[in-house]
Protein backbone atom coordinates (compact mmCIF):
# COMPACT_ATOMS: atom_id res chain seq x y z
CA MET A 1 1.75 -26.13 14.20
CA HIS A 2 4.90 -25.09 12.38
CA ASP A 3 5.54 -21.49 11.33
CA GLU A 4 5.30 -22.32 7.63
CA PHE A 5 1.70 -23.51 7.93
CA ARG A 6 -0.42 -21.31 5.69
CA PRO A 7 -4.09 -21.70 4.76
CA LEU A 8 -3.57 -19.61 1.63
CA ARG A 9 -0.92 -19.25 -1.03
CA TYR A 10 -0.87 -17.42 -4.31
CA GLU A 11 0.82 -18.27 -7.58
CA PRO A 12 0.29 -16.15 -10.70
CA GLY A 13 -3.37 -16.59 -11.61
CA ARG A 14 -4.00 -19.24 -8.94
CA LEU A 15 -5.08 -18.82 -5.32
CA ILE A 16 -4.79 -22.05 -3.34
CA LEU A 17 -7.06 -22.23 -0.28
CA LEU A 18 -7.22 -24.80 2.47
CA ASP A 19 -10.89 -25.79 2.65
CA GLN A 20 -11.70 -25.10 6.30
CA ARG A 21 -15.15 -26.68 6.04
CA VAL A 22 -13.71 -30.20 6.21
CA LEU A 23 -11.06 -29.73 8.90
CA PRO A 24 -9.84 -31.45 10.98
CA GLN A 25 -10.90 -34.73 9.36
CA GLU A 26 -9.46 -33.81 5.97
CA GLU A 27 -6.89 -31.37 4.59
CA ARG A 28 -8.29 -30.44 1.18
CA TYR A 29 -7.15 -27.57 -1.03
CA LEU A 30 -9.18 -25.68 -3.60
CA GLU A 31 -7.89 -23.64 -6.52
CA ILE A 32 -9.38 -20.19 -7.14
CA ARG A 33 -8.89 -18.53 -10.52
CA SER A 34 -11.44 -15.70 -10.52
CA ALA A 35 -13.05 -13.05 -8.36
CA GLU A 36 -16.35 -14.93 -8.58
CA ALA A 37 -14.73 -18.08 -7.23
CA ALA A 38 -13.17 -16.05 -4.41
CA HIS A 39 -16.62 -14.63 -3.62
CA ALA A 40 -18.03 -18.15 -3.36
CA ALA A 41 -15.13 -19.34 -1.19
CA ILE A 42 -15.68 -16.50 1.27
CA ARG A 43 -19.46 -16.81 1.31
CA GLU A 44 -19.44 -20.60 1.68
CA MET A 45 -16.87 -20.57 4.51
CA VAL A 46 -14.05 -22.28 2.62
CA VAL A 47 -12.01 -19.45 4.10
CA ARG A 48 -12.97 -17.37 7.15
CA GLY A 49 -11.46 -15.01 9.68
CA ALA A 50 -11.65 -11.26 9.07
CA PRO A 51 -8.00 -10.64 8.05
CA LEU A 52 -7.85 -13.75 5.87
CA ILE A 53 -11.02 -13.02 3.90
CA GLY A 54 -9.63 -9.59 3.06
CA VAL A 55 -6.45 -11.16 1.70
CA THR A 56 -8.52 -13.76 -0.19
CA ALA A 57 -10.55 -11.02 -1.86
CA ALA A 58 -7.39 -9.16 -2.89
CA TYR A 59 -5.89 -12.28 -4.44
CA GLY A 60 -9.21 -13.14 -6.09
CA LEU A 61 -9.00 -9.80 -7.90
CA ALA A 62 -5.35 -10.48 -8.74
CA ALA A 63 -6.34 -13.80 -10.32
CA GLU A 64 -9.12 -12.08 -12.25
CA ALA A 65 -6.64 -9.50 -13.54
CA TYR A 66 -4.09 -12.18 -14.49
CA TRP A 67 -6.46 -14.13 -16.72
CA HIS A 68 -7.89 -11.00 -18.38
CA ALA A 69 -4.74 -8.89 -18.55
CA GLN A 70 -5.18 -8.19 -22.27
CA ASP A 71 -8.82 -7.16 -21.98
CA PRO A 72 -9.17 -3.43 -22.79
CA ALA A 73 -12.07 -3.32 -20.35
CA LEU A 74 -10.01 -4.80 -17.51
CA PRO A 75 -10.37 -1.75 -15.20
CA GLN A 76 -14.15 -1.82 -15.48
CA ARG A 77 -14.16 -5.59 -15.04
CA LEU A 78 -12.13 -5.34 -11.84
CA LEU A 79 -14.22 -2.52 -10.40
CA TRP A 80 -17.39 -4.51 -10.95
CA ALA A 81 -15.79 -7.63 -9.48
CA ALA A 82 -14.59 -5.63 -6.47
CA GLU A 83 -18.09 -4.37 -5.74
CA HIS A 84 -19.47 -7.90 -6.02
CA LEU A 85 -16.78 -9.33 -3.74
CA ALA A 86 -17.68 -6.81 -1.05
CA THR A 87 -21.10 -8.45 -0.73
CA ALA A 88 -19.70 -11.89 0.14
CA ARG A 89 -19.92 -11.28 3.89
CA PRO A 90 -21.20 -7.97 5.27
CA THR A 91 -19.90 -7.77 8.86
CA ALA A 92 -16.10 -7.99 8.64
CA VAL A 93 -14.72 -4.60 7.61
CA ASN A 94 -11.38 -6.12 6.53
CA LEU A 95 -13.07 -7.41 3.39
CA ARG A 96 -14.04 -3.98 2.12
CA TRP A 97 -10.78 -2.49 3.42
CA ALA A 98 -8.71 -4.83 1.25
CA ILE A 99 -11.02 -4.35 -1.74
CA GLU A 100 -10.70 -0.58 -1.47
CA ARG A 101 -6.92 -0.94 -1.56
CA ILE A 102 -7.19 -2.84 -4.85
CA ARG A 103 -9.79 -0.41 -6.19
CA ARG A 104 -7.40 2.51 -5.69
CA VAL A 105 -4.72 0.65 -7.64
CA VAL A 106 -7.16 0.00 -10.48
CA GLN A 107 -8.16 3.64 -10.63
CA SER A 108 -4.59 4.97 -10.59
CA THR A 109 -2.69 2.47 -12.78
CA PRO A 110 -3.04 3.01 -16.54
CA ARG A 111 -0.46 0.39 -17.58
CA HIS A 112 0.59 -3.10 -16.38
CA LEU A 113 -2.55 -3.27 -14.28
CA ALA A 114 -2.49 -7.01 -13.63
CA GLU A 115 1.03 -6.81 -12.20
CA ALA A 116 0.09 -3.83 -10.05
CA VAL A 117 -2.96 -5.58 -8.60
CA GLU A 118 -0.93 -8.68 -7.76
CA ALA A 119 1.76 -6.57 -6.08
CA GLU A 120 -0.83 -4.76 -3.97
CA ALA A 121 -2.43 -8.05 -2.90
CA GLN A 122 1.01 -9.31 -1.85
CA ARG A 123 1.56 -6.13 0.17
CA ILE A 124 -1.78 -6.58 1.92
CA GLU A 125 -0.87 -10.14 2.86
CA GLN A 126 2.55 -9.17 4.21
CA GLU A 127 1.16 -6.25 6.16
CA GLU A 128 -1.39 -8.51 7.85
CA ARG A 129 1.36 -11.00 8.72
CA ASP A 130 3.42 -8.21 10.26
CA ARG A 131 0.39 -6.95 12.17
CA CYS A 132 -0.12 -10.37 13.72
CA GLU A 133 3.43 -10.41 15.07
CA ALA A 134 3.07 -6.90 16.46
CA ILE A 135 -0.26 -7.75 18.13
CA ALA A 136 1.36 -10.78 19.78
CA ARG A 137 4.28 -8.65 20.96
CA HIS A 138 2.01 -6.05 22.56
CA GLY A 139 -0.32 -8.68 24.04
CA LEU A 140 2.32 -10.84 25.67
CA PRO A 141 2.87 -8.58 28.73
CA LEU A 142 -0.85 -8.85 29.55
CA VAL A 143 -0.62 -12.62 30.05
CA PRO A 144 0.39 -13.55 33.61
CA SER A 145 2.48 -16.60 34.45
CA GLY A 146 0.35 -19.72 34.72
CA ALA A 147 -2.47 -18.06 32.79
CA ARG A 148 -5.77 -19.78 32.20
CA ILE A 149 -7.14 -18.15 29.06
CA LEU A 150 -10.59 -18.27 27.50
CA THR A 151 -11.04 -17.49 23.81
CA ILE A 152 -13.77 -18.11 21.23
CA CYS A 153 -14.01 -19.14 17.57
CA ASN A 154 -10.71 -19.28 15.66
CA THR A 155 -8.27 -16.38 15.50
CA GLY A 156 -5.02 -18.08 14.60
CA ARG A 157 -3.16 -19.27 11.52
CA LEU A 158 -6.44 -20.38 9.95
CA ALA A 159 -7.98 -16.91 10.31
CA THR A 160 -5.08 -14.67 9.25
CA PRO A 161 -2.06 -14.81 6.94
CA GLY A 162 0.20 -14.85 10.02
CA ILE A 163 0.24 -16.39 13.50
CA GLY A 164 -3.14 -14.91 14.35
CA THR A 165 -4.60 -12.21 16.55
CA ALA A 166 -5.94 -13.58 19.86
CA LEU A 167 -4.35 -16.98 19.22
CA GLY A 168 -1.13 -15.28 18.12
CA ILE A 169 -0.83 -13.82 21.62
CA ILE A 170 -1.55 -17.24 23.11
CA TYR A 171 1.16 -18.85 20.94
CA ARG A 172 3.80 -16.35 22.05
CA ALA A 173 2.68 -16.63 25.67
CA HIS A 174 2.98 -20.42 25.45
CA GLU A 175 6.49 -20.09 24.02
CA ALA A 176 7.31 -17.85 27.00
CA GLY A 177 6.06 -20.53 29.41
CA ARG A 178 3.10 -18.50 30.67
CA VAL A 179 0.10 -20.61 29.59
CA GLN A 180 -1.37 -23.18 31.97
CA MET A 181 -4.58 -23.81 30.02
CA VAL A 182 -6.64 -22.48 27.10
CA TYR A 183 -10.39 -23.05 27.25
CA VAL A 184 -11.98 -23.33 23.81
CA PRO A 185 -15.78 -23.04 23.42
CA GLU A 186 -17.01 -25.19 20.53
CA THR A 187 -18.48 -22.10 18.76
CA ARG A 188 -21.80 -23.18 17.29
CA PRO A 189 -23.03 -23.64 14.62
CA TRP A 190 -19.87 -24.00 12.49
CA LEU A 191 -17.79 -25.32 15.41
CA GLN A 192 -14.75 -23.21 14.58
CA GLY A 193 -13.48 -23.64 18.13
CA ALA A 194 -13.96 -27.39 18.17
CA ARG A 195 -12.74 -28.08 14.64
CA LEU A 196 -10.15 -25.38 14.01
CA THR A 197 -8.80 -23.88 17.23
CA THR A 198 -8.22 -27.24 18.90
CA TYR A 199 -6.56 -28.40 15.65
CA GLU A 200 -4.17 -25.46 15.78
CA LEU A 201 -3.45 -25.64 19.51
CA ALA A 202 -2.77 -29.38 19.34
CA GLN A 203 -0.25 -28.93 16.55
CA ALA A 204 1.46 -26.15 18.52
CA GLY A 205 1.52 -28.18 21.74
CA VAL A 206 -0.54 -25.64 23.70
CA PRO A 207 -2.51 -27.19 26.60
CA HIS A 208 -6.22 -26.76 25.98
CA ARG A 209 -9.66 -28.09 26.75
CA LEU A 210 -12.71 -28.00 24.54
CA ILE A 211 -15.91 -26.89 26.27
CA VAL A 212 -19.52 -26.42 25.22
CA ASP A 213 -20.34 -22.77 24.56
CA SER A 214 -22.70 -22.44 27.51
CA LEU A 215 -20.07 -23.59 30.03
CA ALA A 216 -17.88 -20.51 29.59
CA PRO A 217 -19.75 -18.13 31.95
CA PHE A 218 -19.79 -20.81 34.66
CA LEU A 219 -16.01 -21.27 34.34
CA LEU A 220 -15.61 -17.53 34.84
CA SER A 221 -17.83 -17.68 37.92
CA LEU A 222 -15.66 -20.44 39.38
CA GLY A 223 -12.52 -18.30 39.10
CA GLN A 224 -10.94 -20.72 36.63
CA VAL A 225 -10.17 -18.07 33.99
CA ASP A 226 -7.56 -15.33 34.36
CA LEU A 227 -8.28 -13.43 31.16
CA VAL A 228 -10.41 -13.57 28.04
CA ILE A 229 -8.89 -12.75 24.65
CA VAL A 230 -11.07 -12.66 21.53
CA GLY A 231 -10.80 -11.39 17.98
CA ALA A 232 -12.98 -8.91 16.10
CA ASP A 233 -14.66 -8.55 12.72
CA ARG A 234 -15.51 -4.85 12.99
CA ILE A 235 -14.97 -2.21 15.67
CA ALA A 236 -16.99 1.01 15.74
CA ARG A 237 -15.61 4.38 16.79
CA ASN A 238 -16.91 4.05 20.37
CA GLY A 239 -15.34 0.62 20.84
CA ASP A 240 -18.47 -1.47 20.18
CA THR A 241 -17.16 -4.69 18.66
CA ALA A 242 -18.69 -7.24 16.31
CA ASN A 243 -17.31 -10.73 16.76
CA LYS A 244 -18.47 -14.34 16.56
CA ILE A 245 -21.83 -15.02 18.17
CA GLY A 246 -21.27 -15.85 21.84
CA THR A 247 -18.67 -13.13 22.42
CA LEU A 248 -21.15 -10.85 24.20
CA SER A 249 -21.96 -13.59 26.72
CA LEU A 250 -18.25 -13.90 27.53
CA ALA A 251 -17.87 -10.13 27.94
CA LEU A 252 -20.88 -9.86 30.26
CA ALA A 253 -19.68 -12.78 32.39
CA ALA A 254 -16.13 -11.42 32.50
CA ARG A 255 -17.39 -8.07 33.76
CA GLN A 256 -19.61 -9.75 36.36
CA PHE A 257 -16.75 -11.83 37.75
CA GLY A 258 -13.92 -9.28 37.43
CA VAL A 259 -11.93 -10.97 34.66
CA PRO A 260 -10.08 -8.81 32.07
CA PHE A 261 -11.65 -8.99 28.61
CA TYR A 262 -9.38 -8.07 25.69
CA VAL A 263 -10.04 -7.77 21.97
CA ALA A 264 -7.04 -8.51 19.72
CA ALA A 265 -7.42 -6.98 16.27
CA PRO A 266 -5.43 -5.20 13.58
CA LEU A 267 -6.23 -1.61 12.66
CA SER A 268 -7.81 -2.95 9.47
CA SER A 269 -10.68 -4.19 11.69
CA PHE A 270 -11.51 -0.68 12.93
CA ASP A 271 -14.26 1.22 11.15
CA PRO A 272 -14.10 4.88 12.25
CA GLN A 273 -16.96 5.73 9.88
CA LEU A 274 -19.38 4.00 12.27
CA ALA A 275 -20.13 5.85 15.49
CA THR A 276 -21.55 2.86 17.38
CA GLY A 277 -22.13 -0.85 17.03
CA ARG A 278 -25.76 -0.23 16.14
CA GLN A 279 -24.53 0.73 12.68
CA ILE A 280 -22.61 -2.52 12.12
CA PRO A 281 -24.43 -4.84 9.71
CA VAL A 282 -24.83 -8.19 11.45
CA GLU A 283 -24.90 -11.12 9.04
CA GLN A 284 -27.73 -13.63 9.26
CA ARG A 285 -27.01 -16.97 7.66
CA ALA A 286 -29.02 -19.92 6.39
CA GLY A 287 -31.20 -21.90 8.76
CA ASP A 288 -29.69 -25.25 7.79
CA GLU A 289 -26.48 -24.21 9.53
CA VAL A 290 -28.44 -24.55 12.77
CA ARG A 291 -30.81 -27.38 11.78
CA ARG A 292 -27.98 -29.69 10.81
CA PHE A 293 -24.22 -30.16 10.89
CA ARG A 294 -22.75 -31.51 7.68
CA ASP A 295 -24.88 -34.59 6.90
CA CYS A 296 -26.40 -34.89 10.34
CA ALA A 297 -29.81 -33.34 11.06
CA THR A 298 -30.11 -31.75 14.51
CA ALA A 299 -33.72 -30.56 14.07
CA THR A 300 -36.65 -31.22 11.77
CA PRO A 301 -36.38 -29.57 8.33
CA ASP A 302 -39.30 -27.22 9.00
CA THR A 303 -37.91 -25.85 12.28
CA GLU A 304 -37.73 -22.05 12.13
CA THR A 305 -34.32 -20.57 12.98
CA LEU A 306 -32.67 -17.27 13.78
CA ASN A 307 -29.01 -17.52 12.82
CA TYR A 308 -26.99 -14.39 13.58
CA ALA A 309 -23.35 -15.09 12.79
CA PHE A 310 -22.07 -12.29 15.05
CA ASP A 311 -23.05 -10.26 18.10
CA ILE A 312 -22.06 -6.77 19.24
CA THR A 313 -20.13 -6.29 22.50
CA PRO A 314 -20.47 -2.76 23.94
CA GLY A 315 -17.16 -0.93 24.23
CA GLU A 316 -17.63 -0.37 27.97
CA LEU A 317 -17.27 -4.11 28.55
CA ILE A 318 -13.86 -4.24 26.87
CA THR A 319 -10.74 -3.86 29.02
CA GLY A 320 -8.59 -2.94 26.03
CA PHE A 321 -7.84 -3.46 22.35
CA ILE A 322 -4.56 -5.17 21.56
CA THR A 323 -3.42 -3.77 18.20
CA GLU A 324 -0.22 -3.59 16.20
CA ILE A 325 0.46 -0.10 17.63
CA GLY A 326 -0.11 -1.05 21.26
CA VAL A 327 -2.90 -1.64 23.75
CA LEU A 328 -5.72 0.90 23.56
CA LYS A 329 -7.60 1.35 26.82
CA PRO A 330 -10.60 3.49 27.84
CA PRO A 331 -11.43 6.20 27.22
CA PHE A 332 -10.99 4.92 23.68
CA SER A 333 -9.68 7.18 20.94
CA LEU A 334 -9.81 4.70 18.13
CA PRO A 335 -7.46 5.16 15.16
CA SER A 336 -8.39 4.96 11.52
CA SER A 337 -6.95 2.10 9.48
């Protein structure tokens, strides 16, 4: 995958998003011109990945400001839209973090508000791109030569404005000749690993194998994995980490079989206001995501489901956090964003 690949681009009043729901079979782009449309894109999984949904929300507000720049009530309109956008997905803290950045601009800019909001959204995007590079730089020394790496979900160029978090490290390690194999669990029910991570790794020429989710602990038990690197949607003050459902199983297996387990995340994913993971809101999604995949039914329509989108990994199971300021190891003293 070339360095110019971007799942998001912004032109004045127009946010162009790669529709990740139809990858890898189709590359389809959608145009977003309002905060409400950005809310729908985030909620309906057109765009996903904690850093990228924050950037999407910021640009959604920029588009809203562009088309209503002459409205005397623009500040109030943007503040209401910001609050609504924050409800699109509750677990990832990056969403509210980016929205709060825009909210502060709205509250402190009496003139040329639309231009100021757009400029702040552009700064947020660039900062996240820079964070990805820094995370990869700090993570590279942790990857041994000939590494067999296990990851989950998608944490690369489809989840961030840059090269990614966990996958960003894998890309740089591959360029350094250190990667023997990347194992990619399919990541039910949206199959982000199967559809998105394999798509990215194939384009980048990184050796990889797709596995069913439940195989991962067995691979760890066989000694076929040297380290696990995952992303994060929210990290509490004690190191408890919310990430894609299935992450906790990897962490428990890694601890059992003595394999390092790292979380790669920007500081925008840390939430120092929450003491523990018990305070992290864990999103539950619609049952049809489990009962079917696209047009294919996998269960009867009346089958009851429980569809948590994330789980919480206790901080004591985490070897370290790979951030843009370095690798944080226990005892954790987690920074604010």
